Amino acid sequence: MAYLRREKEIVEVDYPIGKVWEAISKAAAILEWTPEESNEEKHQIKLKTKANFMAYASMITVEVVVVSEKTTRVNLSAETPVTTVTGIVDFGRTRERIDSFLLTLVKQLKGEGPEPEKKIEE
């Protein structure tokens, strides 16, 4: 039997929305996640993570919202299909992917992370 494992995270960052939106694309490229859908006008993007031997890929939805001129809210939600077999091996993978994305995003915002090798086309 298969089902979706869901995780959510909401964070606020002290950067304007334009800088956050740009950093999201860079973070996804660094993590080698594929954009499935992107809406620049609404500041929403769906990213597909990489799968591995015993774990399915996750779909990460990122939405950014203006809180103030210098503050942006980042809403992340992730869904990973799991089965009774992969559910045991995959336990916590969805949360790890959200955490990994946030860490990479923060490094990009602070200018501490590596530059992506290729730019994601939107």
PDB file of N, CA and C in Angstrom:
ATOM      1  N   MET A   1       0.840  -1.176   0.000  1.00  0.00           N
ATOM      2  CA  MET A   1       0.000   0.000   0.000  1.00  0.00           C
ATOM      3  C   MET A   1       0.890   1.245   0.000  1.00  0.00           C
ATOM      4  N   ALA A   2       0.583   2.196  -0.837  1.00  0.00           N
ATOM      5  CA  ALA A   2       1.356   3.436  -0.924  1.00  0.00           C
ATOM      6  C   ALA A   2       0.546   4.594  -0.357  1.00  0.00           C
ATOM      7  N   TYR A   3       1.263   5.563   0.192  1.00  0.00           N
ATOM      8  CA  TYR A   3       0.639   6.774   0.699  1.00  0.00           C
ATOM      9  C   TYR A   3       1.650   7.911   0.615  1.00  0.00           C
ATOM     10  N   LEU A   4       1.218   9.129   0.898  1.00  0.00           N
ATOM     11  CA  LEU A   4       2.110  10.292   0.857  1.00  0.00           C
ATOM     12  C   LEU A   4       2.511  10.692   2.268  1.00  0.00           C
ATOM     13  N   ARG A   5       3.793  10.880   2.455  1.00  0.00           N
ATOM     14  CA  ARG A   5       4.289  11.423   3.718  1.00  0.00           C
ATOM     15  C   ARG A   5       4.452  12.927   3.506  1.00  0.00           C
ATOM     16  N   ARG A   6       3.806  13.731   4.352  1.00  0.00           N
ATOM     17  CA  ARG A   6       3.807  15.190   4.178  1.00  0.00           C
ATOM     18  C   ARG A   6       4.517  15.886   5.335  1.00  0.00           C
ATOM     19  N   GLU A   7       5.216  16.941   4.997  1.00  0.00           N
ATOM     20  CA  GLU A   7       5.883  17.804   5.982  1.00  0.00           C
ATOM     21  C   GLU A   7       5.686  19.248   5.545  1.00  0.00           C
ATOM     22  N   LYS A   8       5.634  20.153   6.535  1.00  0.00           N
ATOM     23  CA  LYS A   8       5.507  21.582   6.242  1.00  0.00           C
ATOM     24  C   LYS A   8       6.458  22.379   7.122  1.00  0.00           C
ATOM     25  N   GLU A   9       6.866  23.519   6.615  1.00  0.00           N
ATOM     26  CA  GLU A   9       7.716  24.437   7.370  1.00  0.00           C
ATOM     27  C   GLU A   9       7.430  25.847   6.886  1.00  0.00           C
ATOM     28  N   ILE A  10       7.329  26.772   7.810  1.00  0.00           N
ATOM     29  CA  ILE A  10       7.147  28.190   7.491  1.00  0.00           C
ATOM     30  C   ILE A  10       8.224  28.962   8.237  1.00  0.00           C
ATOM     31  N   VAL A  11       8.988  29.753   7.488  1.00  0.00           N
ATOM     32  CA  VAL A  11      10.033  30.577   8.097  1.00  0.00           C
ATOM     33  C   VAL A  11       9.942  31.993   7.538  1.00  0.00           C
ATOM     34  N   GLU A  12      10.399  32.944   8.331  1.00  0.00           N
ATOM     35  CA  GLU A  12      10.507  34.318   7.861  1.00  0.00           C
ATOM     36  C   GLU A  12      11.977  34.694   7.829  1.00  0.00           C
ATOM     37  N   VAL A  13      12.370  35.351   6.749  1.00  0.00           N
ATOM     38  CA  VAL A  13      13.756  35.771   6.581  1.00  0.00           C
ATOM     39  C   VAL A  13      13.798  37.282   6.376  1.00  0.00           C
ATOM     40  N   ASP A  14      14.858  37.886   6.848  1.00  0.00           N
ATOM     41  CA  ASP A  14      15.011  39.343   6.754  1.00  0.00           C
ATOM     42  C   ASP A  14      15.707  39.753   5.457  1.00  0.00           C
ATOM     43  N   TYR A  15      15.073  39.378   4.349  1.00  0.00           N
ATOM     44  CA  TYR A  15      15.548  39.742   3.021  1.00  0.00           C
ATOM     45  C   TYR A  15      14.335  40.093   2.171  1.00  0.00           C
ATOM     46  N   PRO A  16      14.493  41.001   1.204  1.00  0.00           N
ATOM     47  CA  PRO A  16      13.371  41.324   0.307  1.00  0.00           C
ATOM     48  C   PRO A  16      13.018  40.133  -0.586  1.00  0.00           C
ATOM     49  N   ILE A  17      11.798  40.111  -1.055  1.00  0.00           N
ATOM     50  CA  ILE A  17      11.281  38.969  -1.809  1.00  0.00           C
ATOM     51  C   ILE A  17      12.085  38.684  -3.083  1.00  0.00           C
ATOM     52  N   GLY A  18      12.565  39.707  -3.757  1.00  0.00           N
ATOM     53  CA  GLY A  18      13.350  39.502  -4.980  1.00  0.00           C
ATOM     54  C   GLY A  18      14.619  38.719  -4.729  1.00  0.00           C
ATOM     55  N   LYS A  19      15.305  39.044  -3.664  1.00  0.00           N
ATOM     56  CA  LYS A  19      16.543  38.339  -3.318  1.00  0.00           C
ATOM     57  C   LYS A  19      16.241  36.895  -2.909  1.00  0.00           C
ATOM     58  N   VAL A  20      15.154  36.692  -2.158  1.00  0.00           N
ATOM     59  CA  VAL A  20      14.775  35.341  -1.738  1.00  0.00           C
ATOM     60  C   VAL A  20      14.406  34.497  -2.947  1.00  0.00           C
ATOM     61  N   TRP A  21      13.622  35.063  -3.861  1.00  0.00           N
ATOM     62  CA  TRP A  21      13.197  34.323  -5.055  1.00  0.00           C
ATOM     63  C   TRP A  21      14.411  33.891  -5.886  1.00  0.00           C
ATOM     64  N   GLU A  22      15.364  34.768  -6.045  1.00  0.00           N
ATOM     65  CA  GLU A  22      16.585  34.448  -6.787  1.00  0.00           C
ATOM     66  C   GLU A  22      17.384  33.353  -6.076  1.00  0.00           C
ATOM     67  N   ALA A  23      17.477  33.424  -4.755  1.00  0.00           N
ATOM     68  CA  ALA A  23      18.225  32.438  -3.976  1.00  0.00           C
ATOM     69  C   ALA A  23      17.559  31.059  -4.023  1.00  0.00           C
ATOM     70  N   ILE A  24      16.240  31.021  -4.153  1.00  0.00           N
ATOM     71  CA  ILE A  24      15.523  29.746  -4.238  1.00  0.00           C
ATOM     72  C   ILE A  24      15.966  28.973  -5.487  1.00  0.00           C
ATOM     73  N   SER A  25      16.046  29.657  -6.616  1.00  0.00           N
ATOM     74  CA  SER A  25      16.491  29.004  -7.852  1.00  0.00           C
ATOM     75  C   SER A  25      17.920  28.488  -7.727  1.00  0.00           C
ATOM     76  N   LYS A  26      18.772  29.278  -7.100  1.00  0.00           N
ATOM     77  CA  LYS A  26      20.166  28.858  -6.918  1.00  0.00           C
ATOM     78  C   LYS A  26      20.260  27.661  -5.982  1.00  0.00           C
ATOM     79  N   ALA A  27      19.498  27.688  -4.893  1.00  0.00           N
ATOM     80  CA  ALA A  27      19.523  26.574  -3.934  1.00  0.00           C
ATOM     81  C   ALA A  27      19.055  25.287  -4.607  1.00  0.00           C
ATOM     82  N   ALA A  28      18.000  25.373  -5.400  1.00  0.00           N
ATOM     83  CA  ALA A  28      17.495  24.189  -6.107  1.00  0.00           C
ATOM     84  C   ALA A  28      18.538  23.636  -7.072  1.00  0.00           C
ATOM     85  N   ALA A  29      19.225  24.521  -7.777  1.00  0.00           N
ATOM     86  CA  ALA A  29      20.256  24.081  -8.716  1.00  0.00           C
ATOM     87  C   ALA A  29      21.419  23.414  -7.989  1.00  0.00           C
ATOM     88  N   ILE A  30      21.819  23.958  -6.854  1.00  0.00           N
ATOM     89  CA  ILE A  30      22.913  23.375  -6.071  1.00  0.00           C
ATOM     90  C   ILE A  30      22.537  21.978  -5.589  1.00  0.00           C
ATOM     91  N   LEU A  31      21.289  21.821  -5.153  1.00  0.00           N
ATOM     92  CA  LEU A  31      20.814  20.518  -4.676  1.00  0.00           C
ATOM     93  C   LEU A  31      20.476  19.557  -5.827  1.00  0.00           C
ATOM     94  N   GLU A  32      20.531  20.079  -7.055  1.00  0.00           N
ATOM     95  CA  GLU A  32      20.210  19.322  -8.267  1.00  0.00           C
ATOM     96  C   GLU A  32      18.768  18.833  -8.266  1.00  0.00           C
ATOM     97  N   TRP A  33      17.885  19.698  -7.795  1.00  0.00           N
ATOM     98  CA  TRP A  33      16.453  19.432  -7.814  1.00  0.00           C
ATOM     99  C   TRP A  33      15.863  20.053  -9.067  1.00  0.00           C
ATOM    100  N   THR A  34      14.891  19.391  -9.652  1.00  0.00           N
ATOM    101  CA  THR A  34      14.315  19.803 -10.925  1.00  0.00           C
ATOM    102  C   THR A  34      13.041  20.611 -10.721  1.00  0.00           C
ATOM    103  N   PRO A  35      12.960  21.801 -11.333  1.00  0.00           N
ATOM    104  CA  PRO A  35      11.699  22.556 -11.245  1.00  0.00           C
ATOM    105  C   PRO A  35      10.631  21.904 -12.120  1.00  0.00           C
ATOM    106  N   GLU A  36       9.503  21.594 -11.538  1.00  0.00           N
ATOM    107  CA  GLU A  36       8.391  20.986 -12.267  1.00  0.00           C
ATOM    108  C   GLU A  36       7.408  22.056 -12.730  1.00  0.00           C
ATOM    109  N   GLU A  37       7.157  23.031 -11.880  1.00  0.00           N
ATOM    110  CA  GLU A  37       6.270  24.153 -12.200  1.00  0.00           C
ATOM    111  C   GLU A  37       6.852  25.395 -11.536  1.00  0.00           C
ATOM    112  N   SER A  38       6.672  26.533 -12.185  1.00  0.00           N
ATOM    113  CA  SER A  38       7.147  27.780 -11.604  1.00  0.00           C
ATOM    114  C   SER A  38       6.207  28.907 -12.009  1.00  0.00           C
ATOM    115  N   ASN A  39       5.861  29.753 -11.059  1.00  0.00           N
ATOM    116  CA  ASN A  39       5.024  30.913 -11.318  1.00  0.00           C
ATOM    117  C   ASN A  39       5.688  32.108 -10.643  1.00  0.00           C
ATOM    118  N   GLU A  40       6.457  32.853 -11.434  1.00  0.00           N
ATOM    119  CA  GLU A  40       7.213  33.976 -10.882  1.00  0.00           C
ATOM    120  C   GLU A  40       6.289  35.067 -10.363  1.00  0.00           C
ATOM    121  N   GLU A  41       5.153  35.253 -11.021  1.00  0.00           N
ATOM    122  CA  GLU A  41       4.203  36.283 -10.609  1.00  0.00           C
ATOM    123  C   GLU A  41       3.664  36.017  -9.196  1.00  0.00           C
ATOM    124  N   LYS A  42       3.387  34.741  -8.898  1.00  0.00           N
ATOM    125  CA  LYS A  42       2.877  34.361  -7.575  1.00  0.00           C
ATOM    126  C   LYS A  42       3.992  33.939  -6.628  1.00  0.00           C
ATOM    127  N   HIS A  43       5.228  33.912  -7.127  1.00  0.00           N
ATOM    128  CA  HIS A  43       6.388  33.480  -6.349  1.00  0.00           C
ATOM    129  C   HIS A  43       6.180  32.078  -5.783  1.00  0.00           C
ATOM    130  N   GLN A  44       5.833  31.145  -6.672  1.00  0.00           N
ATOM    131  CA  GLN A  44       5.641  29.745  -6.297  1.00  0.00           C
ATOM    132  C   GLN A  44       6.451  28.869  -7.239  1.00  0.00           C
ATOM    133  N   ILE A  45       7.019  27.818  -6.679  1.00  0.00           N
ATOM    134  CA  ILE A  45       7.761  26.860  -7.495  1.00  0.00           C
ATOM    135  C   ILE A  45       7.598  25.468  -6.888  1.00  0.00           C
ATOM    136  N   LYS A  46       7.468  24.474  -7.764  1.00  0.00           N
ATOM    137  CA  LYS A  46       7.427  23.073  -7.340  1.00  0.00           C
ATOM    138  C   LYS A  46       8.717  22.428  -7.803  1.00  0.00           C
ATOM    139  N   LEU A  47       9.399  21.789  -6.879  1.00  0.00           N
ATOM    140  CA  LEU A  47      10.679  21.163  -7.169  1.00  0.00           C
ATOM    141  C   LEU A  47      10.598  19.664  -6.931  1.00  0.00           C
ATOM    142  N   LYS A  48      11.222  18.906  -7.800  1.00  0.00           N
ATOM    143  CA  LYS A  48      11.291  17.458  -7.618  1.00  0.00           C
ATOM    144  C   LYS A  48      12.705  17.120  -7.159  1.00  0.00           C
ATOM    145  N   THR A  49      12.798  16.467  -6.014  1.00  0.00           N
ATOM    146  CA  THR A  49      14.105  16.098  -5.483  1.00  0.00           C
ATOM    147  C   THR A  49      14.628  14.868  -6.206  1.00  0.00           C
ATOM    148  N   LYS A  50      15.852  14.538  -5.914  1.00  0.00           N
ATOM    149  CA  LYS A  50      16.446  13.350  -6.507  1.00  0.00           C
ATOM    150  C   LYS A  50      16.004  12.116  -5.721  1.00  0.00           C
ATOM    151  N   ALA A  51      15.753  11.038  -6.426  1.00  0.00           N
ATOM    152  CA  ALA A  51      15.439   9.762  -5.791  1.00  0.00           C
ATOM    153  C   ALA A  51      16.738   8.981  -5.634  1.00  0.00           C
ATOM    154  N   ASN A  52      16.682   7.959  -4.784  1.00  0.00           N
ATOM    155  CA  ASN A  52      17.823   7.061  -4.699  1.00  0.00           C
ATOM    156  C   ASN A  52      17.310   5.624  -4.604  1.00  0.00           C
ATOM    157  N   PHE A  53      18.187   4.710  -4.329  1.00  0.00           N
ATOM    158  CA  PHE A  53      17.855   3.287  -4.395  1.00  0.00           C
ATOM    159  C   PHE A  53      16.604   2.903  -3.608  1.00  0.00           C
ATOM    160  N   MET A  54      16.487   3.319  -2.372  1.00  0.00           N
ATOM    161  CA  MET A  54      15.343   2.922  -1.544  1.00  0.00           C
ATOM    162  C   MET A  54      14.439   4.093  -1.158  1.00  0.00           C
ATOM    163  N   ALA A  55      14.521   5.194  -1.858  1.00  0.00           N
ATOM    164  CA  ALA A  55      13.683   6.344  -1.516  1.00  0.00           C
ATOM    165  C   ALA A  55      13.172   7.008  -2.788  1.00  0.00           C
ATOM    166  N   TYR A  56      11.885   7.276  -2.796  1.00  0.00           N
ATOM    167  CA  TYR A  56      11.283   7.991  -3.911  1.00  0.00           C
ATOM    168  C   TYR A  56      11.654   9.469  -3.846  1.00  0.00           C
ATOM    169  N   ALA A  57      11.512  10.142  -4.970  1.00  0.00           N
ATOM    170  CA  ALA A  57      11.716  11.596  -4.998  1.00  0.00           C
ATOM    171  C   ALA A  57      10.553  12.274  -4.271  1.00  0.00           C
ATOM    172  N   SER A  58      10.833  13.427  -3.703  1.00  0.00           N
ATOM    173  CA  SER A  58       9.793  14.243  -3.063  1.00  0.00           C
ATOM    174  C   SER A  58       9.422  15.386  -3.985  1.00  0.00           C
ATOM    175  N   MET A  59       8.210  15.880  -3.809  1.00  0.00           N
ATOM    176  CA  MET A  59       7.791  17.116  -4.465  1.00  0.00           C
ATOM    177  C   MET A  59       7.774  18.194  -3.389  1.00  0.00           C
ATOM    178  N   ILE A  60       8.577  19.226  -3.576  1.00  0.00           N
ATOM    179  CA  ILE A  60       8.666  20.328  -2.628  1.00  0.00           C
ATOM    180  C   ILE A  60       8.008  21.541  -3.267  1.00  0.00           C
ATOM    181  N   THR A  61       7.026  22.102  -2.595  1.00  0.00           N
ATOM    182  CA  THR A  61       6.381  23.322  -3.061  1.00  0.00           C
ATOM    183  C   THR A  61       6.888  24.473  -2.204  1.00  0.00           C
ATOM    184  N   VAL A  62       7.406  25.499  -2.876  1.00  0.00           N
ATOM    185  CA  VAL A  62       7.928  26.672  -2.188  1.00  0.00           C
ATOM    186  C   VAL A  62       7.097  27.873  -2.623  1.00  0.00           C
ATOM    187  N   GLU A  63       6.611  28.608  -1.649  1.00  0.00           N
ATOM    188  CA  GLU A  63       5.848  29.822  -1.914  1.00  0.00           C
ATOM    189  C   GLU A  63       6.420  30.919  -1.027  1.00  0.00           C
ATOM    190  N   VAL A  64       6.718  32.064  -1.628  1.00  0.00           N
ATOM    191  CA  VAL A  64       7.232  33.187  -0.840  1.00  0.00           C
ATOM    192  C   VAL A  64       6.231  34.331  -0.872  1.00  0.00           C
ATOM    193  N   VAL A  65       6.106  34.970   0.287  1.00  0.00           N
ATOM    194  CA  VAL A  65       5.117  36.029   0.473  1.00  0.00           C
ATOM    195  C   VAL A  65       5.791  37.211   1.155  1.00  0.00           C
ATOM    196  N   VAL A  66       5.460  38.410   0.709  1.00  0.00           N
ATOM    197  CA  VAL A  66       5.993  39.623   1.325  1.00  0.00           C
ATOM    198  C   VAL A  66       5.337  39.822   2.689  1.00  0.00           C
ATOM    199  N   VAL A  67       6.166  39.999   3.710  1.00  0.00           N
ATOM    200  CA  VAL A  67       5.669  40.358   5.039  1.00  0.00           C
ATOM    201  C   VAL A  67       5.826  41.871   5.225  1.00  0.00           C
ATOM    202  N   SER A  68       6.996  42.358   4.847  1.00  0.00           N
ATOM    203  CA  SER A  68       7.270  43.795   4.838  1.00  0.00           C
ATOM    204  C   SER A  68       8.311  44.043   3.750  1.00  0.00           C
ATOM    205  N   GLU A  69       8.740  45.275   3.610  1.00  0.00           N
ATOM    206  CA  GLU A  69       9.698  45.614   2.563  1.00  0.00           C
ATOM    207  C   GLU A  69      10.981  44.773   2.654  1.00  0.00           C
ATOM    208  N   LYS A  70      11.403  44.461   3.879  1.00  0.00           N
ATOM    209  CA  LYS A  70      12.654  43.738   4.070  1.00  0.00           C
ATOM    210  C   LYS A  70      12.478  42.344   4.663  1.00  0.00           C
ATOM    211  N   THR A  71      11.255  41.877   4.770  1.00  0.00           N
ATOM    212  CA  THR A  71      11.001  40.556   5.362  1.00  0.00           C
ATOM    213  C   THR A  71      10.117  39.735   4.432  1.00  0.00           C
ATOM    214  N   THR A  72      10.473  38.464   4.281  1.00  0.00           N
ATOM    215  CA  THR A  72       9.748  37.557   3.396  1.00  0.00           C
ATOM    216  C   THR A  72       9.429  36.269   4.146  1.00  0.00           C
ATOM    217  N   ARG A  73       8.219  35.764   3.959  1.00  0.00           N
ATOM    218  CA  ARG A  73       7.822  34.471   4.525  1.00  0.00           C
ATOM    219  C   ARG A  73       8.006  33.402   3.458  1.00  0.00           C
ATOM    220  N   VAL A  74       8.655  32.320   3.843  1.00  0.00           N
ATOM    221  CA  VAL A  74       8.883  31.191   2.946  1.00  0.00           C
ATOM    222  C   VAL A  74       8.053  30.016   3.467  1.00  0.00           C
ATOM    223  N   ASN A  75       7.084  29.587   2.658  1.00  0.00           N
ATOM    224  CA  ASN A  75       6.237  28.438   2.988  1.00  0.00           C
ATOM    225  C   ASN A  75       6.719  27.244   2.191  1.00  0.00           C
ATOM    226  N   LEU A  76       7.090  26.184   2.882  1.00  0.00           N
ATOM    227  CA  LEU A  76       7.548  24.961   2.233  1.00  0.00           C
ATOM    228  C   LEU A  76       6.619  23.823   2.608  1.00  0.00           C
ATOM    229  N   SER A  77       6.245  23.041   1.614  1.00  0.00           N
ATOM    230  CA  SER A  77       5.511  21.808   1.885  1.00  0.00           C
ATOM    231  C   SER A  77       6.116  20.724   1.006  1.00  0.00           C
ATOM    232  N   ALA A  78       6.221  19.534   1.566  1.00  0.00           N
ATOM    233  CA  ALA A  78       6.845  18.434   0.846  1.00  0.00           C
ATOM    234  C   ALA A  78       5.967  17.199   0.936  1.00  0.00           C
ATOM    235  N   GLU A  79       5.937  16.459  -0.155  1.00  0.00           N
ATOM    236  CA  GLU A  79       5.212  15.193  -0.208  1.00  0.00           C
ATOM    237  C   GLU A  79       6.127  14.141  -0.809  1.00  0.00           C
ATOM    238  N   THR A  80       6.194  13.013  -0.136  1.00  0.00           N
ATOM    239  CA  THR A  80       6.987  11.903  -0.628  1.00  0.00           C
ATOM    240  C   THR A  80       6.123  10.648  -0.644  1.00  0.00           C
ATOM    241  N   PRO A  81       5.992   9.991  -1.807  1.00  0.00           N
ATOM    242  CA  PRO A  81       5.250   8.730  -1.822  1.00  0.00           C
ATOM    243  C   PRO A  81       6.080   7.647  -1.132  1.00  0.00           C
ATOM    244  N   VAL A  82       5.438   6.891  -0.268  1.00  0.00           N
ATOM    245  CA  VAL A  82       6.117   5.793   0.408  1.00  0.00           C
ATOM    246  C   VAL A  82       5.217   4.560   0.388  1.00  0.00           C
ATOM    247  N   THR A  83       5.841   3.424   0.479  1.00  0.00           N
ATOM    248  CA  THR A  83       5.114   2.161   0.588  1.00  0.00           C
ATOM    249  C   THR A  83       5.459   1.563   1.944  1.00  0.00           C
ATOM    250  N   THR A  84       4.852   0.458   2.264  1.00  0.00           N
ATOM    251  CA  THR A  84       5.162  -0.162   3.544  1.00  0.00           C
ATOM    252  C   THR A  84       6.626  -0.583   3.621  1.00  0.00           C
ATOM    253  N   VAL A  85       7.226  -0.919   2.499  1.00  0.00           N
ATOM    254  CA  VAL A  85       8.646  -1.303   2.480  1.00  0.00           C
ATOM    255  C   VAL A  85       9.534  -0.061   2.558  1.00  0.00           C
ATOM    256  N   THR A  86       9.308   0.931   1.682  1.00  0.00           N
ATOM    257  CA  THR A  86      10.175   2.113   1.662  1.00  0.00           C
ATOM    258  C   THR A  86       9.906   3.035   2.840  1.00  0.00           C
ATOM    259  N   GLY A  87       8.739   2.933   3.457  1.00  0.00           N
ATOM    260  CA  GLY A  87       8.408   3.796   4.593  1.00  0.00           C
ATOM    261  C   GLY A  87       9.372   3.628   5.751  1.00  0.00           C
ATOM    262  N   ILE A  88       9.850   2.418   5.966  1.00  0.00           N
ATOM    263  CA  ILE A  88      10.788   2.153   7.057  1.00  0.00           C
ATOM    264  C   ILE A  88      12.150   2.759   6.739  1.00  0.00           C
ATOM    265  N   VAL A  89      12.627   2.544   5.521  1.00  0.00           N
ATOM    266  CA  VAL A  89      13.934   3.047   5.105  1.00  0.00           C
ATOM    267  C   VAL A  89      13.902   4.559   4.922  1.00  0.00           C
ATOM    268  N   ASP A  90      12.781   5.085   4.456  1.00  0.00           N
ATOM    269  CA  ASP A  90      12.652   6.491   4.094  1.00  0.00           C
ATOM    270  C   ASP A  90      12.254   7.377   5.273  1.00  0.00           C
ATOM    271  N   PHE A  91      12.077   6.813   6.445  1.00  0.00           N
ATOM    272  CA  PHE A  91      11.566   7.574   7.585  1.00  0.00           C
ATOM    273  C   PHE A  91      12.442   8.801   7.858  1.00  0.00           C
ATOM    274  N   GLY A  92      11.836   9.968   7.841  1.00  0.00           N
ATOM    275  CA  GLY A  92      12.551  11.214   8.111  1.00  0.00           C
ATOM    276  C   GLY A  92      13.178  11.857   6.892  1.00  0.00           C
ATOM    277  N   ARG A  93      13.156  11.198   5.752  1.00  0.00           N
ATOM    278  CA  ARG A  93      13.791  11.733   4.542  1.00  0.00           C
ATOM    279  C   ARG A  93      13.105  13.031   4.084  1.00  0.00           C
ATOM    280  N   THR A  94      11.786  13.086   4.178  1.00  0.00           N
ATOM    281  CA  THR A  94      11.061  14.282   3.738  1.00  0.00           C
ATOM    282  C   THR A  94      11.473  15.488   4.575  1.00  0.00           C
ATOM    283  N   ARG A  95      11.556  15.315   5.888  1.00  0.00           N
ATOM    284  CA  ARG A  95      11.985  16.394   6.785  1.00  0.00           C
ATOM    285  C   ARG A  95      13.421  16.790   6.476  1.00  0.00           C
ATOM    286  N   GLU A  96      14.289  15.823   6.233  1.00  0.00           N
ATOM    287  CA  GLU A  96      15.681  16.112   5.904  1.00  0.00           C
ATOM    288  C   GLU A  96      15.790  16.948   4.630  1.00  0.00           C
ATOM    289  N   ARG A  97      14.938  16.668   3.662  1.00  0.00           N
ATOM    290  CA  ARG A  97      14.978  17.419   2.403  1.00  0.00           C
ATOM    291  C   ARG A  97      14.556  18.869   2.628  1.00  0.00           C
ATOM    292  N   ILE A  98      13.550  19.094   3.447  1.00  0.00           N
ATOM    293  CA  ILE A  98      13.148  20.473   3.774  1.00  0.00           C
ATOM    294  C   ILE A  98      14.290  21.179   4.489  1.00  0.00           C
ATOM    295  N   ASP A  99      14.869  20.523   5.482  1.00  0.00           N
ATOM    296  CA  ASP A  99      15.971  21.134   6.230  1.00  0.00           C
ATOM    297  C   ASP A  99      17.165  21.429   5.333  1.00  0.00           C
ATOM    298  N   SER A 100      17.475  20.512   4.438  1.00  0.00           N
ATOM    299  CA  SER A 100      18.584  20.705   3.511  1.00  0.00           C
ATOM    300  C   SER A 100      18.330  21.906   2.599  1.00  0.00           C
ATOM    301  N   PHE A 101      17.094  22.024   2.123  1.00  0.00           N
ATOM    302  CA  PHE A 101      16.760  23.155   1.259  1.00  0.00           C
ATOM    303  C   PHE A 101      16.897  24.470   2.022  1.00  0.00           C
ATOM    304  N   LEU A 102      16.379  24.517   3.244  1.00  0.00           N
ATOM    305  CA  LEU A 102      16.457  25.757   4.030  1.00  0.00           C
ATOM    306  C   LEU A 102      17.900  26.142   4.330  1.00  0.00           C
ATOM    307  N   LEU A 103      18.737  25.173   4.664  1.00  0.00           N
ATOM    308  CA  LEU A 103      20.146  25.452   4.927  1.00  0.00           C
ATOM    309  C   LEU A 103      20.835  26.003   3.680  1.00  0.00           C
ATOM    310  N   THR A 104      20.578  25.394   2.535  1.00  0.00           N
ATOM    311  CA  THR A 104      21.169  25.858   1.279  1.00  0.00           C
ATOM    312  C   THR A 104      20.647  27.243   0.916  1.00  0.00           C
ATOM    313  N   LEU A 105      19.360  27.488   1.146  1.00  0.00           N
ATOM    314  CA  LEU A 105      18.764  28.795   0.873  1.00  0.00           C
ATOM    315  C   LEU A 105      19.409  29.876   1.733  1.00  0.00           C
ATOM    316  N   VAL A 106      19.557  29.607   3.013  1.00  0.00           N
ATOM    317  CA  VAL A 106      20.168  30.590   3.923  1.00  0.00           C
ATOM    318  C   VAL A 106      21.602  30.897   3.506  1.00  0.00           C
ATOM    319  N   LYS A 107      22.345  29.868   3.122  1.00  0.00           N
ATOM    320  CA  LYS A 107      23.724  30.091   2.673  1.00  0.00           C
ATOM    321  C   LYS A 107      23.749  30.967   1.428  1.00  0.00           C
ATOM    322  N   GLN A 108      22.800  30.765   0.521  1.00  0.00           N
ATOM    323  CA  GLN A 108      22.734  31.603  -0.679  1.00  0.00           C
ATOM    324  C   GLN A 108      22.386  33.040  -0.316  1.00  0.00           C
ATOM    325  N   LEU A 109      21.462  33.216   0.597  1.00  0.00           N
ATOM    326  CA  LEU A 109      21.064  34.565   1.006  1.00  0.00           C
ATOM    327  C   LEU A 109      22.221  35.309   1.675  1.00  0.00           C
ATOM    328  N   LYS A 110      23.021  34.593   2.440  1.00  0.00           N
ATOM    329  CA  LYS A 110      24.156  35.206   3.129  1.00  0.00           C
ATOM    330  C   LYS A 110      25.392  35.317   2.244  1.00  0.00           C
ATOM    331  N   GLY A 111      25.327  34.731   1.047  1.00  0.00           N
ATOM    332  CA  GLY A 111      26.479  34.771   0.146  1.00  0.00           C
ATOM    333  C   GLY A 111      27.574  33.814   0.553  1.00  0.00           C
ATOM    334  N   GLU A 112      27.238  32.783   1.331  1.00  0.00           N
ATOM    335  CA  GLU A 112      28.238  31.838   1.827  1.00  0.00           C
ATOM    336  C   GLU A 112      28.286  30.540   1.024  1.00  0.00           C
ATOM    337  N   GLY A 113      27.256  30.264   0.282  1.00  0.00           N
ATOM    338  CA  GLY A 113      27.174  28.983  -0.416  1.00  0.00           C
ATOM    339  C   GLY A 113      27.865  29.025  -1.755  1.00  0.00           C
ATOM    340  N   PRO A 114      28.033  27.855  -2.350  1.00  0.00           N
ATOM    341  CA  PRO A 114      28.636  27.789  -3.692  1.00  0.00           C
ATOM    342  C   PRO A 114      27.645  28.328  -4.730  1.00  0.00           C
ATOM    343  N   GLU A 115      28.170  28.746  -5.828  1.00  0.00           N
ATOM    344  CA  GLU A 115      27.324  29.159  -6.936  1.00  0.00           C
ATOM    345  C   GLU A 115      26.884  27.901  -7.681  1.00  0.00           C
ATOM    346  N   PRO A 116      25.643  27.886  -8.154  1.00  0.00           N
ATOM    347  CA  PRO A 116      25.209  26.712  -8.915  1.00  0.00           C
ATOM    348  C   PRO A 116      25.982  26.591 -10.219  1.00  0.00           C
ATOM    349  N   GLU A 117      26.185  25.342 -10.652  1.00  0.00           N
ATOM    350  CA  GLU A 117      26.912  25.105 -11.895  1.00  0.00           C
ATOM    351  C   GLU A 117      26.089  25.492 -13.100  1.00  0.00           C
ATOM    352  N   LYS A 118      24.778  25.329 -12.998  1.00  0.00           N
ATOM    353  CA  LYS A 118      23.909  25.691 -14.107  1.00  0.00           C
ATOM    354  C   LYS A 118      22.682  26.397 -13.541  1.00  0.00           C
ATOM    355  N   LYS A 119      22.151  27.306 -14.331  1.00  0.00           N
ATOM    356  CA  LYS A 119      20.982  28.053 -13.882  1.00  0.00           C
ATOM    357  C   LYS A 119      19.713  27.287 -14.259  1.00  0.00           C
ATOM    358  N   ILE A 120      18.769  27.271 -13.324  1.00  0.00           N
ATOM    359  CA  ILE A 120      17.489  26.633 -13.587  1.00  0.00           C
ATOM    360  C   ILE A 120      16.688  27.551 -14.488  1.00  0.00           C
ATOM    361  N   GLU A 121      16.161  26.988 -15.554  1.00  0.00           N
ATOM    362  CA  GLU A 121      15.305  27.768 -16.450  1.00  0.00           C
ATOM    363  C   GLU A 121      13.899  27.773 -15.891  1.00  0.00           C
ATOM    364  N   GLU A 122      13.303  28.938 -15.847  1.00  0.00           N
ATOM    365  CA  GLU A 122      11.962  29.068 -15.267  1.00  0.00           C
ATOM    366  C   GLU A 122      10.920  29.183 -16.340  1.00  0.00           C
TER     367      GLU A 122
END
